[in-house]
N, C-alpha and C. Protein backbone atom coordinates (compact mmCIF):
# COMPACT_ATOMS: atom_id res chain seq x y z
N MET A 1 -230.99 87.83 47.76
CA MET A 1 -231.75 87.88 46.53
C MET A 1 -232.81 86.79 46.56
N GLU A 2 -234.02 87.14 46.21
CA GLU A 2 -235.11 86.17 46.15
C GLU A 2 -234.86 85.18 45.01
N THR A 3 -235.37 83.98 45.17
CA THR A 3 -235.12 82.90 44.19
C THR A 3 -235.59 83.26 42.80
N ILE A 4 -236.83 83.72 42.65
CA ILE A 4 -237.36 84.03 41.32
C ILE A 4 -236.57 85.17 40.68
N GLU A 5 -236.21 86.17 41.46
CA GLU A 5 -235.38 87.26 40.94
C GLU A 5 -234.03 86.73 40.47
N CYS A 6 -233.44 85.83 41.22
CA CYS A 6 -232.15 85.24 40.86
C CYS A 6 -232.26 84.51 39.52
N ILE A 7 -233.31 83.74 39.35
CA ILE A 7 -233.52 83.00 38.10
C ILE A 7 -233.70 83.96 36.93
N LYS A 8 -234.51 84.99 37.13
CA LYS A 8 -234.82 85.91 36.03
C LYS A 8 -233.67 86.85 35.68
N THR A 9 -232.77 87.12 36.60
CA THR A 9 -231.71 88.10 36.33
C THR A 9 -230.36 87.45 36.02
N ARG A 10 -230.24 86.14 36.14
CA ARG A 10 -228.98 85.47 35.79
C ARG A 10 -228.75 85.60 34.28
N ARG A 11 -227.52 85.89 33.90
CA ARG A 11 -227.17 86.01 32.49
C ARG A 11 -225.91 85.17 32.22
N SER A 12 -225.70 84.86 30.96
CA SER A 12 -224.45 84.22 30.55
C SER A 12 -223.39 85.31 30.46
N ILE A 13 -222.38 85.21 31.31
CA ILE A 13 -221.33 86.21 31.40
C ILE A 13 -220.08 85.67 30.70
N ARG A 14 -219.58 86.43 29.74
CA ARG A 14 -218.42 85.99 28.97
C ARG A 14 -217.21 86.91 29.13
N ARG A 15 -217.36 87.97 29.92
CA ARG A 15 -216.25 88.87 30.20
C ARG A 15 -216.20 89.10 31.71
N PHE A 16 -214.99 89.00 32.25
CA PHE A 16 -214.82 89.06 33.70
C PHE A 16 -213.77 90.10 34.07
N THR A 17 -213.92 90.65 35.28
CA THR A 17 -212.88 91.52 35.82
C THR A 17 -211.73 90.63 36.31
N ASP A 18 -210.65 91.25 36.72
CA ASP A 18 -209.53 90.46 37.25
C ASP A 18 -209.62 90.27 38.77
N GLN A 19 -210.74 90.69 39.36
CA GLN A 19 -210.93 90.51 40.80
C GLN A 19 -210.96 89.02 41.14
N PRO A 20 -210.11 88.57 42.05
CA PRO A 20 -210.11 87.14 42.40
C PRO A 20 -211.37 86.73 43.14
N VAL A 21 -211.68 85.46 43.03
CA VAL A 21 -212.79 84.86 43.78
C VAL A 21 -212.18 84.23 45.02
N SER A 22 -212.64 84.66 46.18
CA SER A 22 -212.07 84.15 47.43
C SER A 22 -212.45 82.68 47.64
N ASP A 23 -211.62 82.00 48.41
CA ASP A 23 -211.92 80.60 48.74
C ASP A 23 -213.23 80.49 49.51
N GLU A 24 -213.56 81.49 50.32
CA GLU A 24 -214.81 81.46 51.08
C GLU A 24 -216.02 81.51 50.15
N VAL A 25 -215.96 82.37 49.14
CA VAL A 25 -217.06 82.48 48.18
C VAL A 25 -217.15 81.20 47.35
N LEU A 26 -216.01 80.69 46.90
CA LEU A 26 -216.00 79.44 46.14
C LEU A 26 -216.61 78.31 46.97
N LYS A 27 -216.23 78.24 48.22
CA LYS A 27 -216.77 77.18 49.09
C LYS A 27 -218.28 77.31 49.23
N GLU A 28 -218.78 78.54 49.33
CA GLU A 28 -220.23 78.75 49.46
C GLU A 28 -220.96 78.26 48.20
N ILE A 29 -220.38 78.52 47.04
CA ILE A 29 -220.97 78.05 45.78
C ILE A 29 -220.94 76.52 45.72
N LEU A 30 -219.82 75.93 46.07
CA LEU A 30 -219.70 74.47 46.04
C LEU A 30 -220.61 73.81 47.06
N GLU A 31 -220.84 74.47 48.17
CA GLU A 31 -221.78 73.96 49.18
C GLU A 31 -223.19 73.93 48.61
N ALA A 32 -223.55 74.94 47.82
CA ALA A 32 -224.87 74.95 47.17
C ALA A 32 -224.98 73.77 46.21
N VAL A 33 -223.93 73.51 45.43
CA VAL A 33 -223.94 72.38 44.49
C VAL A 33 -224.14 71.07 45.25
N ARG A 34 -223.54 70.98 46.39
CA ARG A 34 -223.66 69.77 47.22
C ARG A 34 -225.12 69.41 47.49
N TRP A 35 -226.00 70.42 47.48
CA TRP A 35 -227.41 70.21 47.79
C TRP A 35 -228.28 70.09 46.54
N ALA A 36 -227.68 70.07 45.37
CA ALA A 36 -228.46 69.91 44.14
C ALA A 36 -229.13 68.53 44.13
N PRO A 37 -230.32 68.44 43.56
CA PRO A 37 -230.98 67.14 43.48
C PRO A 37 -230.31 66.24 42.45
N SER A 38 -230.48 64.94 42.63
CA SER A 38 -229.96 63.98 41.66
C SER A 38 -230.79 62.70 41.73
N TRP A 39 -230.68 61.89 40.67
CA TRP A 39 -231.42 60.64 40.59
C TRP A 39 -231.00 59.73 41.73
N ARG A 40 -231.97 59.33 42.56
CA ARG A 40 -231.73 58.46 43.72
C ARG A 40 -230.57 58.95 44.59
N ASN A 41 -230.35 60.25 44.59
CA ASN A 41 -229.30 60.89 45.38
C ASN A 41 -227.90 60.34 45.05
N THR A 42 -227.69 59.99 43.78
CA THR A 42 -226.39 59.45 43.39
C THR A 42 -225.29 60.51 43.33
N GLN A 43 -225.67 61.77 43.15
CA GLN A 43 -224.70 62.87 43.13
C GLN A 43 -223.50 62.53 42.24
N CYS A 44 -223.79 62.24 40.98
CA CYS A 44 -222.76 61.77 40.05
C CYS A 44 -221.79 62.85 39.59
N TRP A 45 -222.07 64.12 39.89
CA TRP A 45 -221.20 65.19 39.41
C TRP A 45 -219.87 65.20 40.17
N ARG A 46 -218.86 65.66 39.44
CA ARG A 46 -217.53 65.91 39.99
C ARG A 46 -217.11 67.26 39.42
N ILE A 47 -216.40 68.06 40.19
CA ILE A 47 -215.99 69.39 39.73
C ILE A 47 -214.49 69.54 39.92
N ILE A 48 -213.82 69.96 38.86
CA ILE A 48 -212.40 70.29 38.94
C ILE A 48 -212.29 71.81 38.90
N VAL A 49 -211.74 72.38 39.95
CA VAL A 49 -211.52 73.83 40.03
C VAL A 49 -210.15 74.10 39.42
N VAL A 50 -210.13 74.89 38.36
CA VAL A 50 -208.88 75.19 37.67
C VAL A 50 -208.47 76.62 37.95
N LYS A 51 -207.31 76.77 38.60
CA LYS A 51 -206.73 78.08 38.89
C LYS A 51 -205.47 78.32 38.07
N ASP A 52 -204.77 77.26 37.71
CA ASP A 52 -203.49 77.33 37.02
C ASP A 52 -203.66 77.99 35.65
N PRO A 53 -202.97 79.14 35.41
CA PRO A 53 -203.12 79.84 34.13
C PRO A 53 -202.76 78.99 32.91
N SER A 54 -201.79 78.11 33.04
CA SER A 54 -201.40 77.29 31.88
C SER A 54 -202.47 76.25 31.55
N ILE A 55 -203.12 75.70 32.56
CA ILE A 55 -204.21 74.74 32.32
C ILE A 55 -205.41 75.49 31.74
N LYS A 56 -205.71 76.69 32.27
CA LYS A 56 -206.79 77.50 31.72
C LYS A 56 -206.53 77.80 30.24
N ALA A 57 -205.29 78.15 29.89
CA ALA A 57 -204.95 78.44 28.50
C ALA A 57 -205.14 77.19 27.63
N SER A 58 -204.72 76.04 28.14
CA SER A 58 -204.89 74.80 27.39
C SER A 58 -206.36 74.47 27.19
N LEU A 59 -207.16 74.66 28.22
CA LEU A 59 -208.60 74.40 28.10
C LEU A 59 -209.24 75.34 27.08
N SER A 60 -208.80 76.58 27.04
CA SER A 60 -209.40 77.54 26.10
C SER A 60 -209.14 77.12 24.66
N GLN A 61 -208.09 76.35 24.42
CA GLN A 61 -207.80 75.85 23.07
C GLN A 61 -208.66 74.65 22.69
N LEU A 62 -209.42 74.12 23.67
CA LEU A 62 -210.23 72.93 23.43
C LEU A 62 -211.71 73.25 23.26
N LEU A 63 -212.02 74.53 23.07
CA LEU A 63 -213.39 74.94 22.77
C LEU A 63 -213.62 74.86 21.27
N SER A 64 -214.88 74.82 20.86
CA SER A 64 -215.18 74.83 19.43
C SER A 64 -214.62 76.09 18.80
N GLU A 65 -214.36 76.01 17.50
CA GLU A 65 -213.81 77.15 16.77
C GLU A 65 -214.77 78.33 16.86
N ASN A 66 -214.23 79.51 17.10
CA ASN A 66 -215.00 80.76 17.19
C ASN A 66 -216.03 80.74 18.32
N ASN A 67 -215.78 79.98 19.36
CA ASN A 67 -216.70 79.93 20.49
C ASN A 67 -216.71 81.29 21.19
N PRO A 68 -217.88 81.91 21.38
CA PRO A 68 -217.93 83.24 21.99
C PRO A 68 -217.47 83.27 23.45
N ALA A 69 -217.32 82.11 24.07
CA ALA A 69 -216.88 82.06 25.47
C ALA A 69 -215.37 81.90 25.61
N THR A 70 -214.63 81.81 24.51
CA THR A 70 -213.18 81.56 24.59
C THR A 70 -212.47 82.60 25.43
N LYS A 71 -212.73 83.87 25.19
CA LYS A 71 -212.06 84.93 25.95
C LYS A 71 -212.42 84.84 27.44
N GLY A 72 -213.66 84.52 27.74
CA GLY A 72 -214.07 84.35 29.12
C GLY A 72 -213.36 83.19 29.80
N VAL A 73 -213.16 82.10 29.07
CA VAL A 73 -212.44 80.95 29.62
C VAL A 73 -210.99 81.35 29.90
N GLN A 74 -210.42 82.15 29.03
CA GLN A 74 -209.04 82.59 29.22
C GLN A 74 -208.90 83.57 30.38
N GLU A 75 -209.89 84.44 30.58
CA GLU A 75 -209.77 85.55 31.53
C GLU A 75 -210.38 85.31 32.90
N ALA A 76 -211.33 84.41 33.02
CA ALA A 76 -212.01 84.21 34.31
C ALA A 76 -211.00 83.80 35.39
N PRO A 77 -211.16 84.30 36.59
CA PRO A 77 -210.25 83.91 37.67
C PRO A 77 -210.24 82.40 37.93
N LEU A 78 -211.40 81.76 37.77
CA LEU A 78 -211.51 80.32 37.99
C LEU A 78 -212.29 79.68 36.86
N LEU A 79 -211.94 78.44 36.58
CA LEU A 79 -212.76 77.61 35.70
C LEU A 79 -213.22 76.43 36.53
N LEU A 80 -214.50 76.13 36.43
CA LEU A 80 -215.05 74.95 37.09
C LEU A 80 -215.40 73.97 35.98
N VAL A 81 -214.69 72.88 35.92
CA VAL A 81 -214.96 71.87 34.90
C VAL A 81 -215.90 70.85 35.53
N LEU A 82 -217.11 70.86 35.03
CA LEU A 82 -218.14 69.96 35.55
C LEU A 82 -217.99 68.62 34.84
N CYS A 83 -217.85 67.58 35.63
CA CYS A 83 -217.69 66.23 35.12
C CYS A 83 -218.78 65.36 35.74
N ALA A 84 -218.88 64.13 35.25
CA ALA A 84 -219.88 63.21 35.81
C ALA A 84 -219.32 61.80 35.80
N GLN A 85 -219.70 61.07 36.84
CA GLN A 85 -219.35 59.65 36.91
C GLN A 85 -220.41 58.87 36.14
N LEU A 86 -219.95 58.01 35.26
CA LEU A 86 -220.86 57.23 34.43
C LEU A 86 -221.38 56.00 35.18
N GLY A 87 -222.57 55.56 34.78
CA GLY A 87 -223.09 54.28 35.24
C GLY A 87 -223.70 54.23 36.62
N ILE A 88 -223.96 55.39 37.23
CA ILE A 88 -224.61 55.35 38.55
C ILE A 88 -225.96 56.09 38.56
N SER A 89 -226.08 57.14 37.78
CA SER A 89 -227.33 57.88 37.74
C SER A 89 -228.26 57.24 36.71
N GLY A 90 -229.44 56.84 37.16
CA GLY A 90 -230.37 56.17 36.27
C GLY A 90 -230.25 54.65 36.33
N TYR A 91 -229.51 54.17 37.31
CA TYR A 91 -229.29 52.73 37.44
C TYR A 91 -229.75 52.24 38.82
N THR A 92 -230.23 51.02 38.85
CA THR A 92 -230.52 50.33 40.10
C THR A 92 -229.59 49.12 40.18
N GLU A 93 -229.78 48.35 41.22
CA GLU A 93 -228.97 47.14 41.38
C GLU A 93 -229.17 46.19 40.20
N LYS A 94 -230.30 46.30 39.52
CA LYS A 94 -230.64 45.42 38.40
C LYS A 94 -230.20 45.97 37.05
N GLY A 95 -229.65 47.17 37.01
CA GLY A 95 -229.22 47.78 35.76
C GLY A 95 -229.97 49.06 35.48
N PRO A 96 -230.00 49.46 34.19
CA PRO A 96 -230.66 50.73 33.85
C PRO A 96 -232.13 50.73 34.25
N ALA A 97 -232.58 51.85 34.78
CA ALA A 97 -233.99 52.02 35.13
C ALA A 97 -234.66 52.77 33.99
N GLY A 98 -235.59 52.16 33.32
CA GLY A 98 -236.28 52.84 32.23
C GLY A 98 -235.49 52.82 30.94
N ASN A 99 -235.95 53.60 29.98
CA ASN A 99 -235.36 53.57 28.64
C ASN A 99 -234.51 54.81 28.33
N LYS A 100 -234.15 55.59 29.32
CA LYS A 100 -233.39 56.81 29.08
C LYS A 100 -231.88 56.62 29.22
N GLY A 101 -231.44 55.45 29.65
CA GLY A 101 -230.01 55.22 29.79
C GLY A 101 -229.43 55.95 30.97
N ASP A 102 -228.17 56.32 30.83
CA ASP A 102 -227.44 57.00 31.90
C ASP A 102 -228.01 58.41 32.06
N TRP A 103 -228.38 58.76 33.28
CA TRP A 103 -228.98 60.07 33.57
C TRP A 103 -227.93 61.12 33.91
N PHE A 104 -226.64 60.85 33.66
CA PHE A 104 -225.61 61.77 34.13
C PHE A 104 -225.78 63.18 33.60
N MET A 105 -226.25 63.35 32.36
CA MET A 105 -226.41 64.70 31.82
C MET A 105 -227.52 65.46 32.55
N PHE A 106 -228.57 64.76 32.91
CA PHE A 106 -229.67 65.37 33.66
C PHE A 106 -229.17 65.86 35.02
N ASP A 107 -228.49 64.97 35.74
CA ASP A 107 -228.00 65.34 37.07
C ASP A 107 -226.91 66.40 37.00
N ALA A 108 -226.03 66.31 36.01
CA ALA A 108 -224.99 67.32 35.85
C ALA A 108 -225.61 68.69 35.56
N ALA A 109 -226.69 68.71 34.78
CA ALA A 109 -227.37 69.98 34.49
C ALA A 109 -227.98 70.58 35.75
N LEU A 110 -228.55 69.73 36.60
CA LEU A 110 -229.09 70.23 37.86
C LEU A 110 -227.98 70.85 38.72
N ALA A 111 -226.84 70.17 38.78
CA ALA A 111 -225.70 70.69 39.54
C ALA A 111 -225.18 71.99 38.93
N ALA A 112 -225.10 72.02 37.59
CA ALA A 112 -224.59 73.21 36.90
C ALA A 112 -225.48 74.42 37.13
N GLN A 113 -226.78 74.22 37.01
CA GLN A 113 -227.68 75.36 37.20
C GLN A 113 -227.68 75.81 38.67
N THR A 114 -227.59 74.88 39.58
CA THR A 114 -227.47 75.25 40.99
C THR A 114 -226.22 76.09 41.20
N LEU A 115 -225.11 75.66 40.60
CA LEU A 115 -223.85 76.39 40.70
C LEU A 115 -224.00 77.80 40.15
N CYS A 116 -224.58 77.92 38.96
CA CYS A 116 -224.70 79.23 38.31
C CYS A 116 -225.64 80.17 39.07
N LEU A 117 -226.71 79.65 39.61
CA LEU A 117 -227.63 80.49 40.39
C LEU A 117 -226.99 80.93 41.71
N ALA A 118 -226.27 80.02 42.37
CA ALA A 118 -225.58 80.39 43.61
C ALA A 118 -224.53 81.46 43.32
N ALA A 119 -223.79 81.31 42.24
CA ALA A 119 -222.78 82.31 41.88
C ALA A 119 -223.44 83.67 41.63
N HIS A 120 -224.52 83.66 40.87
CA HIS A 120 -225.21 84.92 40.58
C HIS A 120 -225.73 85.58 41.86
N ALA A 121 -226.28 84.79 42.75
CA ALA A 121 -226.79 85.33 44.02
C ALA A 121 -225.68 85.99 44.84
N LEU A 122 -224.45 85.56 44.62
CA LEU A 122 -223.29 86.10 45.34
C LEU A 122 -222.56 87.19 44.54
N GLY A 123 -223.16 87.60 43.41
CA GLY A 123 -222.59 88.69 42.63
C GLY A 123 -221.58 88.27 41.58
N LEU A 124 -221.46 86.98 41.32
CA LEU A 124 -220.52 86.49 40.32
C LEU A 124 -221.25 86.13 39.04
N GLY A 125 -220.47 85.93 37.99
CA GLY A 125 -221.02 85.54 36.71
C GLY A 125 -220.47 84.21 36.26
N THR A 126 -221.23 83.55 35.40
CA THR A 126 -220.87 82.26 34.84
C THR A 126 -221.42 82.16 33.43
N VAL A 127 -220.95 81.17 32.70
CA VAL A 127 -221.55 80.82 31.42
C VAL A 127 -221.33 79.31 31.22
N HIS A 128 -222.32 78.65 30.66
CA HIS A 128 -222.20 77.22 30.36
C HIS A 128 -221.43 77.08 29.04
N VAL A 129 -220.34 76.35 29.06
CA VAL A 129 -219.54 76.13 27.86
C VAL A 129 -219.45 74.62 27.63
N GLY A 130 -220.32 74.13 26.76
CA GLY A 130 -220.39 72.69 26.54
C GLY A 130 -219.86 72.24 25.20
N ASN A 131 -219.64 73.18 24.26
CA ASN A 131 -219.15 72.81 22.94
C ASN A 131 -217.62 72.78 23.01
N ILE A 132 -217.12 71.67 23.56
CA ILE A 132 -215.69 71.50 23.81
C ILE A 132 -215.24 70.15 23.26
N LYS A 133 -213.96 69.98 23.14
CA LYS A 133 -213.38 68.69 22.71
C LYS A 133 -213.25 67.81 23.95
N HIS A 134 -214.33 67.11 24.25
CA HIS A 134 -214.44 66.39 25.51
C HIS A 134 -213.31 65.40 25.76
N ALA A 135 -212.97 64.59 24.78
CA ALA A 135 -211.93 63.57 24.97
C ALA A 135 -210.59 64.23 25.33
N GLU A 136 -210.30 65.37 24.68
CA GLU A 136 -209.05 66.07 24.97
C GLU A 136 -209.07 66.74 26.34
N VAL A 137 -210.23 67.28 26.71
CA VAL A 137 -210.38 67.85 28.06
C VAL A 137 -210.18 66.75 29.10
N ASP A 138 -210.82 65.61 28.88
CA ASP A 138 -210.70 64.48 29.81
C ASP A 138 -209.24 64.07 29.99
N LYS A 139 -208.51 64.01 28.89
CA LYS A 139 -207.10 63.61 28.94
C LYS A 139 -206.27 64.67 29.66
N LEU A 140 -206.47 65.93 29.31
CA LEU A 140 -205.72 67.03 29.92
C LEU A 140 -205.88 67.03 31.45
N LEU A 141 -207.10 66.76 31.91
CA LEU A 141 -207.38 66.82 33.35
C LEU A 141 -207.17 65.48 34.05
N GLY A 142 -206.75 64.46 33.32
CA GLY A 142 -206.43 63.17 33.93
C GLY A 142 -207.64 62.44 34.46
N LEU A 143 -208.77 62.54 33.76
CA LEU A 143 -209.99 61.89 34.25
C LEU A 143 -209.89 60.38 34.09
N PRO A 144 -210.33 59.63 35.09
CA PRO A 144 -210.39 58.18 34.94
C PRO A 144 -211.48 57.79 33.94
N GLU A 145 -211.47 56.54 33.48
CA GLU A 145 -212.38 56.10 32.42
C GLU A 145 -213.85 56.28 32.75
N ASP A 146 -214.22 56.17 34.03
CA ASP A 146 -215.64 56.27 34.39
C ASP A 146 -216.09 57.69 34.70
N ILE A 147 -215.22 58.67 34.46
CA ILE A 147 -215.56 60.08 34.67
C ILE A 147 -215.40 60.80 33.34
N VAL A 148 -216.41 61.60 32.95
CA VAL A 148 -216.35 62.35 31.70
C VAL A 148 -216.62 63.83 31.96
N SER A 149 -216.00 64.68 31.14
CA SER A 149 -216.29 66.11 31.23
C SER A 149 -217.65 66.37 30.60
N VAL A 150 -218.37 67.32 31.18
CA VAL A 150 -219.67 67.73 30.66
C VAL A 150 -219.58 69.15 30.11
N GLU A 151 -219.01 70.06 30.90
CA GLU A 151 -218.89 71.44 30.46
C GLU A 151 -217.85 72.17 31.29
N ILE A 152 -217.46 73.33 30.78
CA ILE A 152 -216.57 74.24 31.50
C ILE A 152 -217.41 75.44 31.90
N ILE A 153 -217.28 75.85 33.16
CA ILE A 153 -218.02 77.01 33.65
C ILE A 153 -217.02 78.04 34.16
N PRO A 154 -216.73 79.10 33.37
CA PRO A 154 -215.89 80.17 33.89
C PRO A 154 -216.62 80.86 35.04
N LEU A 155 -215.87 81.26 36.06
CA LEU A 155 -216.45 81.88 37.25
C LEU A 155 -215.64 83.12 37.62
N GLY A 156 -216.34 84.24 37.75
CA GLY A 156 -215.67 85.46 38.16
C GLY A 156 -216.67 86.60 38.28
N TYR A 157 -216.15 87.78 38.57
CA TYR A 157 -217.00 88.96 38.69
C TYR A 157 -217.23 89.55 37.30
N PRO A 158 -218.48 89.80 36.94
CA PRO A 158 -218.80 90.27 35.58
C PRO A 158 -218.16 91.61 35.25
N ALA A 159 -217.56 91.68 34.07
CA ALA A 159 -217.07 92.95 33.54
C ALA A 159 -218.19 93.66 32.79
N GLN A 160 -219.15 92.88 32.32
CA GLN A 160 -220.33 93.43 31.65
C GLN A 160 -221.47 92.43 31.79
N THR A 161 -222.67 92.94 31.81
CA THR A 161 -223.85 92.08 31.92
C THR A 161 -224.77 92.37 30.74
N PRO A 162 -224.98 91.36 29.89
CA PRO A 162 -225.83 91.59 28.72
C PRO A 162 -227.30 91.77 29.10
N ASP A 163 -228.04 92.39 28.20
CA ASP A 163 -229.48 92.51 28.37
C ASP A 163 -230.11 91.12 28.25
N PRO A 164 -231.30 90.95 28.83
CA PRO A 164 -231.96 89.64 28.70
C PRO A 164 -232.32 89.35 27.25
N ARG A 165 -232.27 88.08 26.91
CA ARG A 165 -232.66 87.65 25.57
C ARG A 165 -234.15 87.34 25.59
N PRO A 166 -234.79 87.36 24.42
CA PRO A 166 -236.23 87.07 24.36
C PRO A 166 -236.54 85.68 24.91
N ARG A 167 -237.66 85.54 25.57
CA ARG A 167 -238.10 84.27 26.13
C ARG A 167 -239.42 83.90 25.49
N LYS A 168 -239.66 82.60 25.36
CA LYS A 168 -240.94 82.13 24.84
C LYS A 168 -242.03 82.44 25.85
N GLU A 169 -243.22 82.64 25.36
CA GLU A 169 -244.38 82.83 26.23
C GLU A 169 -244.79 81.45 26.77
N ILE A 170 -245.41 81.41 27.94
CA ILE A 170 -245.79 80.15 28.58
C ILE A 170 -246.63 79.26 27.67
N PRO A 171 -247.62 79.76 26.94
CA PRO A 171 -248.41 78.87 26.08
C PRO A 171 -247.61 78.17 24.97
N GLU A 172 -246.41 78.66 24.71
CA GLU A 172 -245.58 78.03 23.68
C GLU A 172 -244.93 76.73 24.16
N PHE A 173 -244.86 76.52 25.48
CA PHE A 173 -244.17 75.32 25.96
C PHE A 173 -244.91 74.57 27.06
N VAL A 174 -246.09 75.04 27.46
CA VAL A 174 -246.87 74.38 28.51
C VAL A 174 -248.23 73.98 27.93
N PHE A 175 -248.63 72.74 28.20
CA PHE A 175 -249.88 72.22 27.67
C PHE A 175 -250.70 71.60 28.80
N LEU A 176 -251.97 71.44 28.60
CA LEU A 176 -252.88 70.88 29.59
C LEU A 176 -253.32 69.48 29.15
N ASP A 177 -253.06 68.51 29.96
CA ASP A 177 -253.50 67.12 29.80
C ASP A 177 -252.86 66.39 28.61
N ARG A 178 -252.76 67.02 27.47
CA ARG A 178 -252.17 66.40 26.28
C ARG A 178 -251.35 67.45 25.54
N TYR A 179 -250.34 66.95 24.84
CA TYR A 179 -249.51 67.87 24.04
C TYR A 179 -250.38 68.61 23.03
N GLY A 180 -250.17 69.90 22.97
CA GLY A 180 -250.88 70.73 22.00
C GLY A 180 -252.14 71.38 22.55
N GLN A 181 -252.62 70.92 23.68
CA GLN A 181 -253.81 71.54 24.28
C GLN A 181 -253.40 72.70 25.17
N SER A 182 -253.98 73.84 24.95
CA SER A 182 -253.60 75.06 25.66
C SER A 182 -253.95 74.98 27.14
N LEU A 183 -253.08 75.55 27.91
CA LEU A 183 -253.33 75.77 29.34
C LEU A 183 -253.61 77.27 29.48
N ASP A 184 -254.85 77.61 29.79
CA ASP A 184 -255.22 79.01 29.88
C ASP A 184 -255.01 79.51 31.30
N ILE A 185 -253.87 80.16 31.51
CA ILE A 185 -253.62 80.77 32.82
C ILE A 185 -253.12 82.20 32.62
C-alpha cells in the first residue's frame, strides 16, 4: 500500500473479528514503531502488549463512561498500551529545552500513529483510546513512577470499517508567512 493511500484510508476501528494476530505480524508492527521519530532520538515510548483476557476486561473498565471504544477494547485480540518514560524527551543535560516541558506526548503520538499506519498497511485495525483512568491503568499494569500510560490501542482484524469522516479543507488550517494569511495552492 502506498503511503498516502494508507494515511487516507486508515479509520478508527472499534469492532474486531476473533481472528488472532500472529506474533509475526505483531513483530512487524512493533518494528515499524521502533523507527518512529522522536525528540533527540530519545524513543521515550514503551508498549505493553496485553493478551490476557482478564487484564483486557479490567482495562475496559478503566475507560471513560460510555466510551464508544469499550466493546473494541473488550473484543480485540490484542491491546497495545502505549506508555512513555517521563523526563527524557524535550530535555538536555542542562534540563528542559524550551518552554514546552516534557515532550513525551508528542513523541508518543508519533509512535502511536506509526503503529496505527503500519497495522492498517497490514490489514489490521486500531483506534486511539486516550480517555482512560490513567492512574488506575498505571497501577494495574505495574508501571514504575517514571513511566505513564498515554493510551490504549486495540489491535485486530476489522469486523467493520466506517466511512471517512469530513475533513477540513487545506485553507482552513494552512497559512502563508503569518497566521490568517491564505496560502493559495
